[in-house]
Every structure is written in C-alpha cells, then in structure tokens.
C-alpha cells in the first residue's frame, strides 16, 4: 500500500478571525450500476429466509437533554497578547480570534474603530478567542480544553442567562489538553453528570452543545462514529488518550464543550475536527469533513482530583518506547497470542534500564494485572505517581521474568516529539559510490559497508556523533517489498539480523544466508534524526523492524 496518502489535518476548534464565505459546489453521486442478470421465466423465485428485524430505533428527546444541560454550559472568552510576527503555522491551527456574531468589532484590527489600541507598541497584538466549557461542581469549577485558555491574559465566562464572570485557571494538563477553571460562586451552579466513556458503543446517539462560531448554546446531534482514534498531531502526549470520533457537527468555538450520551451524561470533551490540507501550508477554505473528535471523559475524570488539589498532573513513566505485538512479532517469538507491549527501546539510565529491562522484552503484566494492549500499559503506568514502584511481568526469549521498577516523572521524560513514526526517509545513494554493496532480493533492499565517519556524514548531510555503531547502511529499498512497508529506509544502519551481530558486509551476507522464504526477519537498526528537528544536535534512534522475507 502506498505510503503517500491524501493529507488530512486536525484543527483545534476554537474561534477564528472571520467567517469563511467560500462555498464549494458538489455534484450528486450516482448510485453504482449493477450488471444485468438473466433470469429464466420458468425458474422458481427463491426468496431469502425471513430474518428477525432489530428493535426499532427510538431517538431520545434531544430537546429535554439540551434543556437540562444548557444551564451548566458556558462560553469562554480568552484575551491573549502575542508578538505580531507570530502566525498560526503547521498542521495545528490555533484559531485565537474574535468570532461572536454580535461583536461590534468583528473583523476589525485592534487599531480600528472600537479597538483597544493594545497593538500600538509594534511588538504585541491582541487576540480574542472563544471556546466552551461546563460546570462539574456547584461551587464554580469548570472543565474545558487547555488550548482554549492557553496563554490567556484575561478569561471571562458567560452563563446561559448572559451573566459574565471573571475566571482563573486552577489546574491544567497539557498532555491531555484539559484545563480546570474557577469562578467565584455567588450561588450554586448547575452541573453536568459524568458518564462512562468506556461503555460507549459505536453507533450510539450523542449530543454536542457549545458555542461554534460564537453562536452560544448551539445543539447538534450525531452518533459515535468510532472509538480509540489516536490523534498524534493533537496533543503534547498523544499516547495518553485515544479519542471518540463523532459526526455530531462541531466547529470552531466548540472546544471544551460536552459531548453527551442519550441520558444527558458527559462522555467526552469536544476537542478537534478534520480539515482538508492543501499542501504547501495552505488549507482549502470552507471545507469541513464532518468528522469531530472528543476526549473521553474517563481520561479527564481520572486526573480531576490532582488538578483540583495540585493544579497539575503527575504521572509515572518507565522511560521506554513500546509498540503493539504484531503478527510478525508473534510469529518470530512463537507467542501464543498478541497480548502485551513490545519494548522497542529502553532509555539509557532510565528506571526500566536500572531494573534490568532490555530491548525486545515483552511486558505482559503490571502488578499482576495482564496487559492486553500498549494502551493498557500506558494507562496503568500513568495512573501511578512518580516514585511509585511497580512489578512488571516480562517475557524475554520465551522465559517469564519479574522486574520491580521505581517510576520516573512522565512530564520530565516526555520527548519533544514521538519517535518511531517520524523517521525521515533518506535519498537513494547516487552513482560513484565505491563502497562494497550487497543487494538482497529476498529482503528487498541494498546495503553498503560503513567504512568511515566522513562517508556517513555525507550520506546524512550533517555531522553525526563520533560513536557511530558498526554495521551496514541501507542505500536503497524496493517500494514493492514487505521491508519497505515495515519501515526499512535508506540511511538506516543494520547492526543485527535476528540474533546475528553485523559488523561488516560479510557478517550481513552470512546472517542473511540463514533466512528462508516466508521467514520472519528481525532487524536491529540505528538511524539519526536531523539536528533541525531535535534542537540543534542529531539524535540517535534504535529500534527493531520485523517483516517477512520474500
């Protein structure tokens, strides 16, 4: 399957500067034509057996849900001052702009009619953003998205009856993209009941209420389109939460508002939508795909006590990189099932390494509780505080082991970006390379001897660290092979094939001779990430790659 897919982007759904007026015309799609079939006039017509009909779908009273919920839902106005040179760039478009439909200054600059003149110093300009939130306690605590209030100099909350109250940020969790606000309680506030997002089913009715485009307390209805959607471009730590996908219409300004089930219980926090990405940094104006995402409420509920008492969230960490147990990994290690989390890399001098964990281990239990998926492991470890000790059940080379690990602080060990899925594809080596090479058809790529540091520097285009591992370097990969699909790319240095160490081209050839057609191959590879992506110095990455020999 081609790795060049049409790009879609995620947009945080808070207010935008002006309403986009572009309307795209579409033509109706014709139903597919079916091939004509010849039926004998004398042949008996066989009707399908009668199937039991499902129970009729009875829609809940969405009006009742909205009537009960609206008093607890608020509009949040955010005043932020930023450098004039700063502009939204990249895949995540922040949308910190005025959007209220009754705003007299909508579309005007800060120095225009009614402006506050805050941009006159030439360094900063004022931006007014809008979002949504909802009361979770009657004494004035409001839950919303962190990106709604990030960088705010002033926060104002508007209630259903139009009353405006100043708000302060009492707690924030950038990793989950949630924030806890507080307003002074002049009376008991209406609150929303919390539901169970784990119990949601695909196809279940959901209701979104918020302030899209500044239209307060807008109600939209849809269903749960999917669960467990990973959104890697959305948050600082995307592995912590997999999102609820819904077709309930949510737009800019809905961020932080509730997604509720048919009982009026909050099951999610509306967070993002998809937009068409034009390429070259541009967006196709007015094109919304009708796909929205909400943070599961169980993920937020699990950290509310910490947000209220500490104002932040502390999570434990093993300091390892993991991946699901794939078919190839199961076959290679002769596992009875695909449960557990495969350890791709153990960080040097981290808690897992100090406890004796190694690359290639499979974590199957935490404190005696089985691990089915990588998400299970992340959730169990993150539920602990830094400094807690956990007992890990580990499978290594067919042997069961137990390791006790004292957890580190996840926020301190969190990397600037997630590795493993972001490796750069190198360019193919050009002609004139005098290094010995070997093209292996059954593996689907060509390698060359790693002769000296200078040649590697030229291959990468930047100076590598002096301690480059011995091995062979991948120079070309066939895009039709399973190695390509598994992630093998030019510039990777192969240091091991299976259990056979590779120091030279002859070592590599000797190891490959033992690989038969259809056999699962395990490569140990090392590669380097560009210093431009890693804060000024190249970073070495190591991982295992599994694929089937051809």
Protein backbone atom coordinates (compact mmCIF):
# COMPACT_ATOMS: atom_id res chain seq x y z
CA UNK A 1 0.00 0.00 0.00
CA UNK A 2 1.38 3.41 -0.92
CA UNK A 3 2.68 5.48 1.92
CA UNK A 4 1.69 8.65 0.08
CA UNK A 5 -1.80 9.24 1.39
CA UNK A 6 -4.00 12.28 0.99
CA UNK A 7 -3.17 14.53 3.92
CA UNK A 8 -5.85 15.45 6.41
CA UNK A 9 -5.26 17.76 9.33
CA UNK A 10 -6.67 18.24 12.78
CA UNK A 11 -7.78 21.69 13.82
CA UNK A 12 -8.39 22.82 17.35
CA UNK A 13 -11.96 24.04 17.44
CA UNK A 14 -11.87 27.50 18.97
CA UNK A 15 -12.84 30.85 17.43
CA UNK A 16 -11.46 32.03 14.03
CA UNK A 17 -10.93 35.62 12.79
CA UNK A 18 -13.58 35.94 10.11
CA UNK A 19 -16.26 33.62 8.88
CA UNK A 20 -15.17 31.87 5.69
CA UNK A 21 -17.72 32.54 3.00
CA UNK A 22 -16.44 30.13 0.37
CA UNK A 23 -19.00 27.56 -0.65
CA UNK A 24 -17.88 24.53 -2.61
CA UNK A 25 -20.32 23.12 -5.12
CA UNK A 26 -20.66 19.38 -5.27
CA UNK A 27 -22.46 17.15 -7.70
CA UNK A 28 -24.68 14.31 -6.67
CA UNK A 29 -23.05 10.91 -6.83
CA UNK A 30 -24.91 8.38 -8.90
CA UNK A 31 -25.72 5.04 -7.43
CA UNK A 32 -23.45 2.28 -8.79
CA UNK A 33 -24.82 0.46 -11.79
CA UNK A 34 -25.40 -3.25 -11.32
CA UNK A 35 -24.74 -5.77 -14.03
CA UNK A 36 -27.91 -7.10 -15.66
CA UNK A 37 -28.72 -10.72 -14.86
CA UNK A 38 -30.71 -13.18 -16.99
CA UNK A 39 -33.43 -14.98 -15.05
CA UNK A 40 -35.30 -17.93 -16.51
CA UNK A 41 -39.03 -17.31 -16.80
CA UNK A 42 -39.76 -20.84 -15.61
CA UNK A 43 -37.28 -20.94 -12.76
CA UNK A 44 -38.88 -20.60 -9.33
CA UNK A 45 -38.07 -17.40 -7.48
CA UNK A 46 -36.31 -18.23 -4.22
CA UNK A 47 -36.84 -15.57 -1.59
CA UNK A 48 -34.36 -15.17 1.25
CA UNK A 49 -35.34 -16.61 4.57
CA UNK A 50 -37.14 -14.17 6.83
CA UNK A 51 -34.71 -12.59 9.25
CA UNK A 52 -35.74 -11.23 12.64
CA UNK A 53 -35.96 -7.46 12.48
CA UNK A 54 -33.98 -5.42 15.00
CA UNK A 55 -35.90 -3.40 17.53
CA UNK A 56 -36.97 -0.02 16.13
CA UNK A 57 -34.62 2.83 16.87
CA UNK A 58 -36.29 5.34 19.16
CA UNK A 59 -34.50 8.68 19.27
CA UNK A 60 -34.25 10.29 22.70
CA UNK A 61 -35.72 13.71 23.35
CA UNK A 62 -32.75 15.88 22.49
CA UNK A 63 -34.76 18.95 23.50
CA UNK A 64 -35.04 17.59 27.04
CA UNK A 65 -31.32 16.86 27.14
CA UNK A 66 -30.49 20.38 25.97
CA UNK A 67 -32.92 21.99 28.39
CA UNK A 68 -31.36 20.19 31.34
CA UNK A 69 -27.76 20.72 30.19
CA UNK A 70 -27.69 24.34 28.99
CA UNK A 71 -27.60 25.99 32.44
CA UNK A 72 -24.33 24.13 33.15
CA UNK A 73 -22.64 25.02 29.84
CA UNK A 74 -20.66 28.24 29.48
CA UNK A 75 -18.98 30.31 26.81
CA UNK A 76 -15.33 31.17 27.49
CA UNK A 77 -13.69 34.34 26.14
CA UNK A 78 -9.90 34.42 26.06
CA UNK A 79 -7.84 37.60 25.66
CA UNK A 80 -4.26 36.89 24.60
CA UNK A 81 -1.38 39.16 23.59
CA UNK A 82 1.18 37.76 21.17
CA UNK A 83 4.03 39.02 19.05
CA UNK A 84 2.82 40.40 15.76
CA UNK A 85 5.24 38.18 13.84
CA UNK A 86 3.64 35.05 15.24
CA UNK A 87 1.21 33.39 12.85
CA UNK A 88 -0.52 30.03 13.02
CA UNK A 89 1.59 27.55 11.09
CA UNK A 90 1.90 23.81 10.67
CA UNK A 91 -0.76 21.19 10.95
CA UNK A 92 -2.37 22.53 14.13
CA UNK A 93 -4.21 25.80 13.52
CA UNK A 94 -4.87 27.53 16.87
CA UNK A 95 -7.67 29.92 15.78
CA UNK A 96 -7.42 32.51 18.56
CA UNK A 97 -9.72 35.14 17.08
CA UNK A 98 -12.97 37.06 17.64
CA UNK A 99 -16.00 35.13 16.48
CA UNK A 100 -19.03 36.36 18.47
CA UNK A 101 -21.80 37.17 15.96
CA UNK A 102 -22.83 40.27 17.94
CA UNK A 103 -19.29 41.59 18.35
CA UNK A 104 -19.21 45.18 17.09
CA UNK A 105 -15.53 44.91 16.25
CA UNK A 106 -15.58 41.59 14.45
CA UNK A 107 -13.15 41.63 11.58
CA UNK A 108 -11.54 44.89 12.73
CA UNK A 109 -7.91 45.22 13.74
CA UNK A 110 -7.01 46.36 17.23
CA UNK A 111 -6.36 49.87 15.98
CA UNK A 112 -9.66 50.12 14.07
CA UNK A 113 -12.97 51.52 15.29
CA UNK A 114 -13.64 50.30 18.80
CA UNK A 115 -10.14 48.81 19.12
CA UNK A 116 -8.34 48.96 22.44
CA UNK A 117 -5.04 50.09 20.97
CA UNK A 118 -3.14 47.21 22.55
CA UNK A 119 -1.22 46.62 19.33
CA UNK A 120 0.27 50.10 19.12
CA UNK A 121 3.62 49.18 20.67
CA UNK A 122 4.65 47.38 17.49
CA UNK A 123 5.60 44.20 19.36
CA UNK A 124 2.31 42.72 20.51
CA UNK A 125 -1.20 42.43 19.24
CA UNK A 126 -4.38 41.43 20.99
CA UNK A 127 -6.22 38.27 20.04
CA UNK A 128 -9.64 37.37 21.35
CA UNK A 129 -10.52 33.69 21.32
CA UNK A 130 -13.65 31.82 22.25
CA UNK A 131 -14.44 28.32 23.41
CA UNK A 132 -16.80 26.34 25.57
CA UNK A 133 -16.82 24.64 28.96
CA UNK A 134 -19.14 23.15 31.56
CA UNK A 135 -19.55 23.17 35.33
CA UNK A 136 -18.52 19.98 37.10
CA UNK A 137 -19.03 21.30 40.66
CA UNK A 138 -21.68 23.64 42.00
CA UNK A 139 -19.02 25.79 43.71
CA UNK A 140 -17.75 27.08 40.36
CA UNK A 141 -15.28 24.59 38.85
CA UNK A 142 -15.41 24.44 35.04
CA UNK A 143 -13.82 21.84 32.77
CA UNK A 144 -12.57 22.83 29.31
CA UNK A 145 -9.70 22.26 26.87
CA UNK A 146 -6.25 23.57 27.72
CA UNK A 147 -5.87 25.08 24.26
CA UNK A 148 -8.94 27.26 24.93
CA UNK A 149 -7.18 29.07 27.79
CA UNK A 150 -3.52 28.66 26.86
CA UNK A 151 -1.68 31.98 27.01
CA UNK A 152 -4.73 33.85 28.27
CA UNK A 153 -4.15 37.23 29.93
CA UNK A 154 -7.84 37.53 30.76
CA UNK A 155 -10.63 34.94 30.93
CA UNK A 156 -14.36 35.67 31.06
CA UNK A 157 -17.12 33.09 31.40
CA UNK A 158 -20.63 33.78 30.11
CA UNK A 159 -23.52 31.84 31.62
CA UNK A 160 -26.73 30.82 29.87
CA UNK A 161 -28.60 33.86 31.23
CA UNK A 162 -25.91 36.23 29.91
CA UNK A 163 -24.16 36.83 33.24
CA UNK A 164 -20.41 37.35 32.78
CA UNK A 165 -17.92 36.23 35.41
CA UNK A 166 -14.11 36.51 35.54
CA UNK A 167 -12.39 33.13 35.65
CA UNK A 168 -8.97 31.88 36.70
CA UNK A 169 -7.07 28.74 35.71
CA UNK A 170 -6.84 26.46 38.76
CA UNK A 171 -5.28 23.47 37.04
CA UNK A 172 -4.02 22.36 33.65
CA UNK A 173 -2.85 19.20 31.96
CA UNK A 174 -1.22 19.94 28.61
CA UNK A 175 -0.72 16.24 27.92
CA UNK A 176 -4.48 15.56 27.87
CA UNK A 177 -5.34 19.08 26.66
CA UNK A 178 -7.65 19.86 29.57
CA UNK A 179 -7.88 22.78 31.98
CA UNK A 180 -9.83 23.46 35.16
CA UNK A 181 -11.25 26.95 35.63
CA UNK A 182 -12.79 28.54 38.73
CA UNK A 183 -15.32 31.35 39.07
CA UNK A 184 -16.40 32.84 42.39
CA UNK A 185 -19.65 31.23 43.40
CA UNK A 186 -22.40 33.80 44.02
CA UNK A 187 -24.83 30.88 44.10
CA UNK A 188 -24.83 27.15 43.41
CA UNK A 189 -24.18 26.46 39.74
CA UNK A 190 -25.91 23.77 37.71
CA UNK A 191 -23.60 20.87 36.88
CA UNK A 192 -23.50 18.06 34.34
CA UNK A 193 -23.39 14.40 35.39
CA UNK A 194 -20.37 12.38 34.29
CA UNK A 195 -20.93 9.27 32.19
CA UNK A 196 -18.75 6.29 31.35
CA UNK A 197 -16.90 6.78 28.07
CA UNK A 198 -15.57 3.22 28.21
CA UNK A 199 -19.14 1.97 27.93
CA UNK A 200 -19.88 3.91 24.74
CA UNK A 201 -20.77 1.85 21.68
CA UNK A 202 -20.20 2.74 18.05
CA UNK A 203 -23.49 3.95 16.60
CA UNK A 204 -24.79 5.30 19.92
CA UNK A 205 -26.54 8.69 19.94
CA UNK A 206 -24.51 11.66 21.18
CA UNK A 207 -25.27 15.37 21.61
CA UNK A 208 -22.75 18.22 21.37
CA UNK A 209 -23.52 21.60 22.95
CA UNK A 210 -21.24 24.60 22.75
CA UNK A 211 -20.53 27.92 21.10
CA UNK A 212 -19.50 27.27 17.49
CA UNK A 213 -18.53 30.46 15.67
CA UNK A 214 -19.74 32.37 18.71
CA UNK A 215 -23.35 31.14 18.48
CA UNK A 216 -23.88 30.27 22.12
CA UNK A 217 -25.56 27.08 23.28
CA UNK A 218 -25.83 25.53 19.84
CA UNK A 219 -27.07 21.93 19.93
CA UNK A 220 -26.03 19.33 17.36
CA UNK A 221 -26.76 15.62 17.25
CA UNK A 222 -24.97 12.62 15.79
CA UNK A 223 -23.64 9.21 16.67
CA UNK A 224 -20.40 7.72 17.89
CA UNK A 225 -18.62 7.03 14.60
CA UNK A 226 -15.65 5.28 16.17
CA UNK A 227 -13.64 4.85 19.35
CA UNK A 228 -9.97 4.69 20.20
CA UNK A 229 -8.86 7.12 17.50
CA UNK A 230 -5.21 8.15 18.04
CA UNK A 231 -4.57 11.80 17.15
CA UNK A 232 -0.82 12.19 17.02
CA UNK A 233 -0.88 15.80 15.82
CA UNK A 234 -3.24 16.97 18.52
CA UNK A 235 -1.55 16.94 21.89
CA UNK A 236 1.81 17.04 23.55
CA UNK A 237 1.48 13.45 24.72
CA UNK A 238 -0.89 11.71 22.27
CA UNK A 239 -0.28 8.22 23.64
CA UNK A 240 -2.28 9.04 26.79
CA UNK A 241 -5.71 9.22 25.17
CA UNK A 242 -7.47 7.77 22.16
CA UNK A 243 -10.38 9.91 21.05
CA UNK A 244 -14.06 9.42 20.36
CA UNK A 245 -14.98 10.12 16.73
CA UNK A 246 -18.40 11.59 16.06
CA UNK A 247 -20.41 13.05 13.20
CA UNK A 248 -22.26 15.44 15.52
CA UNK A 249 -21.42 18.80 13.94
CA UNK A 250 -18.75 20.63 15.92
CA UNK A 251 -16.94 23.70 14.67
CA UNK A 252 -14.60 26.46 15.80
CA UNK A 253 -15.71 27.55 19.27
CA UNK A 254 -16.96 24.11 20.35
CA UNK A 255 -13.63 23.29 22.02
CA UNK A 256 -14.11 22.39 25.67
CA UNK A 257 -17.84 21.77 25.41
CA UNK A 258 -19.51 18.50 26.42
CA UNK A 259 -20.32 15.52 24.24
CA UNK A 260 -23.24 13.78 25.96
CA UNK A 261 -24.98 10.46 25.61
CA UNK A 262 -28.74 9.95 25.33
CA UNK A 263 -29.06 10.14 29.12
CA UNK A 264 -27.52 13.60 29.23
CA UNK A 265 -24.28 12.37 30.78
CA UNK A 266 -20.94 13.78 29.66
CA UNK A 267 -18.94 11.14 27.80
CA UNK A 268 -16.41 13.40 26.10
CA UNK A 269 -14.92 16.88 25.74
CA UNK A 270 -15.20 18.22 22.18
CA UNK A 271 -11.65 18.93 21.05
CA UNK A 272 -10.89 18.80 17.32
CA UNK A 273 -12.18 18.46 13.78
CA UNK A 274 -10.60 17.45 10.49
CA UNK A 275 -9.95 19.87 7.66
CA UNK A 276 -8.70 19.41 4.13
CA UNK A 277 -5.00 20.10 3.78
CA UNK A 278 -3.98 21.65 0.50
CA UNK A 279 -0.24 21.14 0.83
CA UNK A 280 2.39 23.84 0.99
CA UNK A 281 0.99 25.03 4.31
CA UNK A 282 -2.39 26.02 2.88
CA UNK A 283 -5.90 24.99 3.77
CA UNK A 284 -8.89 24.61 1.48
CA UNK A 285 -11.24 27.32 2.77
CA UNK A 286 -14.65 26.28 3.94
CA UNK A 287 -14.07 22.55 3.65
CA UNK A 288 -15.05 20.72 6.81
CA UNK A 289 -15.15 16.95 6.68
CA UNK A 290 -17.86 16.41 9.28
CA UNK A 291 -15.52 14.38 11.45
CA UNK A 292 -15.14 15.54 15.03
CA UNK A 293 -13.16 14.20 17.96
CA UNK A 294 -13.78 14.32 21.69
CA UNK A 295 -11.50 13.43 24.59
CA UNK A 296 -13.08 10.52 26.53
CA UNK A 297 -14.39 11.84 29.83
CA UNK A 298 -12.91 8.90 31.76
CA UNK A 299 -9.42 10.13 30.86
CA UNK A 300 -10.24 13.57 32.28
CA UNK A 301 -12.07 12.25 35.35
CA UNK A 302 -9.05 10.17 36.33
CA UNK A 303 -6.95 13.31 36.91
CA UNK A 304 -9.54 15.77 38.26
CA UNK A 305 -8.54 15.28 41.90
CA UNK A 306 -4.93 16.14 41.06
CA UNK A 307 -5.99 19.21 39.10
CA UNK A 308 -8.12 20.46 41.99
CA UNK A 309 -5.58 19.81 44.75
CA UNK A 310 -2.24 20.31 42.96
CA UNK A 311 -3.11 22.33 39.86
CA UNK A 312 -1.18 19.87 37.71
CA UNK A 313 -0.97 16.17 36.94
CA UNK A 314 1.99 13.95 37.81
CA UNK A 315 2.29 10.61 36.05
CA UNK A 316 4.69 7.73 36.37
CA UNK A 317 6.90 6.63 33.48
CA UNK A 318 9.11 3.67 32.59
CA UNK A 319 11.22 5.64 30.06
CA UNK A 320 10.81 3.10 27.28
CA UNK A 321 9.45 3.05 23.73
CA UNK A 322 6.83 0.41 23.01
CA UNK A 323 4.71 -0.88 20.16
CA UNK A 324 1.88 -3.41 19.80
CA UNK A 325 2.70 -7.09 19.34
CA UNK A 326 2.18 -7.57 15.60
CA UNK A 327 1.65 -10.78 13.63
CA UNK A 328 5.33 -10.71 12.67
CA UNK A 329 6.46 -10.32 16.29
CA UNK A 330 4.13 -13.11 17.40
CA UNK A 331 5.47 -15.40 14.69
CA UNK A 332 9.12 -14.51 15.32
CA UNK A 333 8.94 -15.14 19.08
CA UNK A 334 6.49 -18.06 18.72
CA UNK A 335 3.95 -16.41 21.04
CA UNK A 336 0.56 -17.98 21.73
CA UNK A 337 -1.22 -14.62 21.37
CA UNK A 338 -0.58 -10.94 20.60
CA UNK A 339 -1.20 -9.60 24.09
CA UNK A 340 1.33 -7.35 25.77
CA UNK A 341 3.58 -4.44 24.79
CA UNK A 342 6.78 -4.96 22.81
CA UNK A 343 9.73 -2.89 24.07
CA UNK A 344 11.47 -1.21 21.13
CA UNK A 345 13.93 0.82 23.15
CA UNK A 346 14.94 1.19 26.79
CA UNK A 347 16.22 4.68 27.54
CA UNK A 348 19.73 4.85 28.91
CA UNK A 349 19.89 5.30 32.68
CA UNK A 350 16.10 5.31 32.93
CA UNK A 351 14.11 3.44 35.58
CA UNK A 352 13.41 0.46 33.32
CA UNK A 353 17.08 0.03 32.41
CA UNK A 354 18.09 0.25 36.06
CA UNK A 355 15.58 -2.52 36.81
CA UNK A 356 17.13 -4.76 34.13
CA UNK A 357 14.74 -4.34 31.21
CA UNK A 358 16.17 -4.86 27.70
CA UNK A 359 15.20 -4.05 24.13
CA UNK A 360 12.98 -6.81 22.78
CA UNK A 361 11.28 -7.61 26.09
CA UNK A 362 7.51 -8.03 26.05
CA UNK A 363 5.65 -6.58 29.05
CA UNK A 364 2.67 -8.81 29.82
CA UNK A 365 1.56 -7.68 33.30
CA UNK A 366 1.67 -4.76 35.76
CA UNK A 367 1.25 -5.61 39.45
CA UNK A 368 -0.24 -8.94 38.46
CA UNK A 369 -2.82 -7.45 36.09
CA UNK A 370 -2.49 -8.69 32.50
CA UNK A 371 -1.61 -6.28 29.69
CA UNK A 372 -3.64 -6.78 26.53
CA UNK A 373 -2.51 -3.71 24.55
CA UNK A 374 0.03 -0.90 24.66
CA UNK A 375 -2.79 1.44 25.73
CA UNK A 376 -3.38 -0.75 28.80
CA UNK A 377 0.26 -0.43 29.80
CA UNK A 378 0.35 3.35 29.31
CA UNK A 379 -2.84 3.83 31.32
CA UNK A 380 -1.70 1.59 34.18
CA UNK A 381 1.71 3.21 34.50
CA UNK A 382 0.33 6.75 34.10
CA UNK A 383 -2.16 6.09 36.90
CA UNK A 384 0.80 5.84 39.30
CA UNK A 385 2.72 8.78 40.71
CA UNK A 386 6.44 9.33 40.10
CA UNK A 387 8.43 7.41 42.70
CA UNK A 388 5.94 4.56 42.96
CA UNK A 389 7.30 1.04 42.49
CA UNK A 390 5.51 -1.34 40.14
CA UNK A 391 6.03 -5.05 39.47
CA UNK A 392 6.28 -5.88 35.78
CA UNK A 393 5.73 -9.30 34.27
CA UNK A 394 8.14 -9.60 31.33
CA UNK A 395 8.60 -12.22 28.63
CA UNK A 396 12.19 -12.50 27.37
CA UNK A 397 13.27 -15.15 24.87
CA UNK A 398 10.42 -17.41 25.97
CA UNK A 399 11.17 -17.01 29.68
CA UNK A 400 8.91 -15.27 32.21
CA UNK A 401 10.63 -12.70 34.41
CA UNK A 402 9.57 -10.24 37.10
CA UNK A 403 11.08 -6.77 37.36
CA UNK A 404 10.43 -4.12 40.00
CA UNK A 405 10.66 -0.59 38.62
CA UNK A 406 10.65 2.71 40.50
CA UNK A 407 8.83 5.08 38.17
CA UNK A 408 10.17 8.35 36.83
CA UNK A 409 8.14 11.51 36.13
CA UNK A 410 6.46 11.29 32.72
CA UNK A 411 6.49 15.05 32.19
CA UNK A 412 10.27 15.13 32.62
CA UNK A 413 10.95 12.17 30.36
CA UNK A 414 8.47 13.16 27.65
CA UNK A 415 10.27 13.68 24.39
CA UNK A 416 9.84 16.75 22.23
CA UNK A 417 8.20 14.57 19.60
CA UNK A 418 7.25 10.92 19.31
CA UNK A 419 9.87 8.75 17.71
CA UNK A 420 9.30 5.56 15.81
CA UNK A 421 6.82 7.00 13.31
CA UNK A 422 8.73 10.10 12.28
CA UNK A 423 11.92 8.78 10.82
CA UNK A 424 13.00 10.63 7.71
CA UNK A 425 13.30 8.70 4.50
CA UNK A 426 16.73 9.19 3.04
CA UNK A 427 17.52 9.79 -0.57
CA UNK A 428 18.93 6.96 -2.60
CA UNK A 429 22.68 6.91 -2.98
CA UNK A 430 23.86 8.43 -6.21
CA UNK A 431 26.30 6.79 -8.60
CA UNK A 432 30.02 6.83 -7.99
CA UNK A 433 29.89 5.21 -4.55
CA UNK A 434 32.90 2.94 -4.34
CA UNK A 435 31.83 1.14 -1.18
CA UNK A 436 31.16 -2.60 -1.39
CA UNK A 437 27.42 -3.24 -1.63
CA UNK A 438 25.06 -6.20 -1.44
CA UNK A 439 21.58 -6.33 -2.95
CA UNK A 440 19.40 -8.94 -1.26
CA UNK A 441 16.29 -9.76 -3.29
CA UNK A 442 14.58 -11.79 -0.57
CA UNK A 443 14.85 -8.82 1.81
CA UNK A 444 14.05 -6.14 -0.73
CA UNK A 445 16.87 -3.68 -0.11
CA UNK A 446 20.54 -2.94 -0.82
CA UNK A 447 23.21 -2.28 1.80
CA UNK A 448 26.78 -0.96 1.79
CA UNK A 449 29.75 -1.19 4.12
CA UNK A 450 30.03 1.50 6.79
CA UNK A 451 33.59 2.43 6.06
CA UNK A 452 34.23 5.73 7.84
CA UNK A 453 32.58 8.65 9.58
CA UNK A 454 33.09 11.03 6.67
CA UNK A 455 31.02 8.96 4.25
CA UNK A 456 28.18 8.67 6.76
CA UNK A 457 28.23 12.44 7.31
CA UNK A 458 27.95 12.95 3.57
CA UNK A 459 25.12 10.42 3.36
CA UNK A 460 23.10 12.12 6.11
CA UNK A 461 24.00 15.67 5.15
CA UNK A 462 25.09 16.67 8.65
CA UNK A 463 27.81 15.72 11.12
CA UNK A 464 27.00 12.61 13.15
CA UNK A 465 28.18 11.85 16.67
CA UNK A 466 31.62 10.24 16.84
CA UNK A 467 30.27 7.00 18.31
CA UNK A 468 28.55 5.59 15.22
CA UNK A 469 27.72 1.87 15.58
CA UNK A 470 29.31 -0.72 13.33
CA UNK A 471 27.13 -2.39 10.72
CA UNK A 472 25.94 -1.96 7.16
CA UNK A 473 23.99 1.03 5.88
CA UNK A 474 20.82 0.70 3.81
CA UNK A 475 21.25 2.52 0.48
CA UNK A 476 18.12 1.57 -1.45
CA UNK A 477 14.78 -0.04 -0.62
CA UNK A 478 12.31 -1.53 -3.09
CA UNK A 479 8.92 0.06 -2.55
CA UNK A 480 7.22 -3.20 -3.54
CA UNK A 481 8.61 -5.28 -0.69
CA UNK A 482 7.50 -6.04 2.84
CA UNK A 483 10.67 -4.43 4.25
CA UNK A 484 9.55 -1.08 2.83
CA UNK A 485 6.09 -1.48 4.34
CA UNK A 486 7.63 -2.38 7.70
CA UNK A 487 9.66 0.84 7.74
CA UNK A 488 13.11 -0.06 6.43
CA UNK A 489 14.54 3.11 4.85
CA UNK A 490 17.80 4.38 3.34
CA UNK A 491 20.44 5.65 5.80
CA UNK A 492 19.46 3.10 8.46
CA UNK A 493 22.43 1.21 9.89
CA UNK A 494 21.74 -2.51 10.41
CA UNK A 495 23.59 -3.82 13.46
CA UNK A 496 21.91 -7.21 13.82
CA UNK A 497 19.91 -9.71 11.77
CA UNK A 498 17.96 -11.93 14.13
CA UNK A 499 20.46 -12.82 16.84
CA UNK A 500 23.43 -12.48 14.50
CA UNK A 501 25.54 -9.33 15.10
CA UNK A 502 26.53 -7.40 11.97
CA UNK A 503 29.87 -5.59 11.95
CA UNK A 504 30.65 -5.84 8.25
CA UNK A 505 29.21 -6.69 4.86
CA UNK A 506 30.40 -10.28 5.18
CA UNK A 507 28.61 -10.61 8.54
CA UNK A 508 25.42 -9.35 6.94
CA UNK A 509 25.68 -11.79 4.00
CA UNK A 510 26.35 -14.68 6.36
CA UNK A 511 23.32 -13.82 8.52
CA UNK A 512 21.01 -13.40 5.51
CA UNK A 513 22.00 -16.81 4.10
CA UNK A 514 20.19 -18.40 7.04
CA UNK A 515 16.91 -16.63 6.24
CA UNK A 516 14.42 -18.71 4.28
CA UNK A 517 11.49 -17.59 2.13
CA UNK A 518 8.46 -16.68 4.24
CA UNK A 519 10.53 -16.48 7.41
CA UNK A 520 10.04 -13.51 9.73
CA UNK A 521 13.16 -11.37 9.84
CA UNK A 522 14.11 -9.18 12.78
CA UNK A 523 16.50 -6.30 12.04
CA UNK A 524 18.17 -4.17 14.69
CA UNK A 525 18.65 -0.74 13.13
CA UNK A 526 20.08 2.60 14.16
CA UNK A 527 19.47 5.92 12.44
CA UNK A 528 19.94 9.61 13.16
CA UNK A 529 17.38 12.41 13.18
CA UNK A 530 18.15 15.80 11.69
CA UNK A 531 19.53 18.38 14.15
CA UNK A 532 16.97 20.86 12.82
CA UNK A 533 14.23 18.62 14.22
CA UNK A 534 15.94 17.90 17.51
CA UNK A 535 17.08 21.26 18.81
CA UNK A 536 20.50 21.62 17.22
CA UNK A 537 22.12 18.21 17.58
CA UNK A 538 21.42 14.93 15.77
CA UNK A 539 19.74 12.29 17.88
CA UNK A 540 20.44 8.58 17.59
CA UNK A 541 17.45 6.26 17.43
CA UNK A 542 17.46 2.46 17.63
CA UNK A 543 14.62 0.02 17.04
CA UNK A 544 13.63 -3.42 15.84
CA UNK A 545 11.91 -3.94 12.48
CA UNK A 546 10.03 -7.16 11.68
CA UNK A 547 8.95 -8.31 8.21
CA UNK A 548 8.52 -11.43 6.10
CA UNK A 549 11.31 -12.49 3.76
CA UNK A 550 10.23 -12.84 0.13
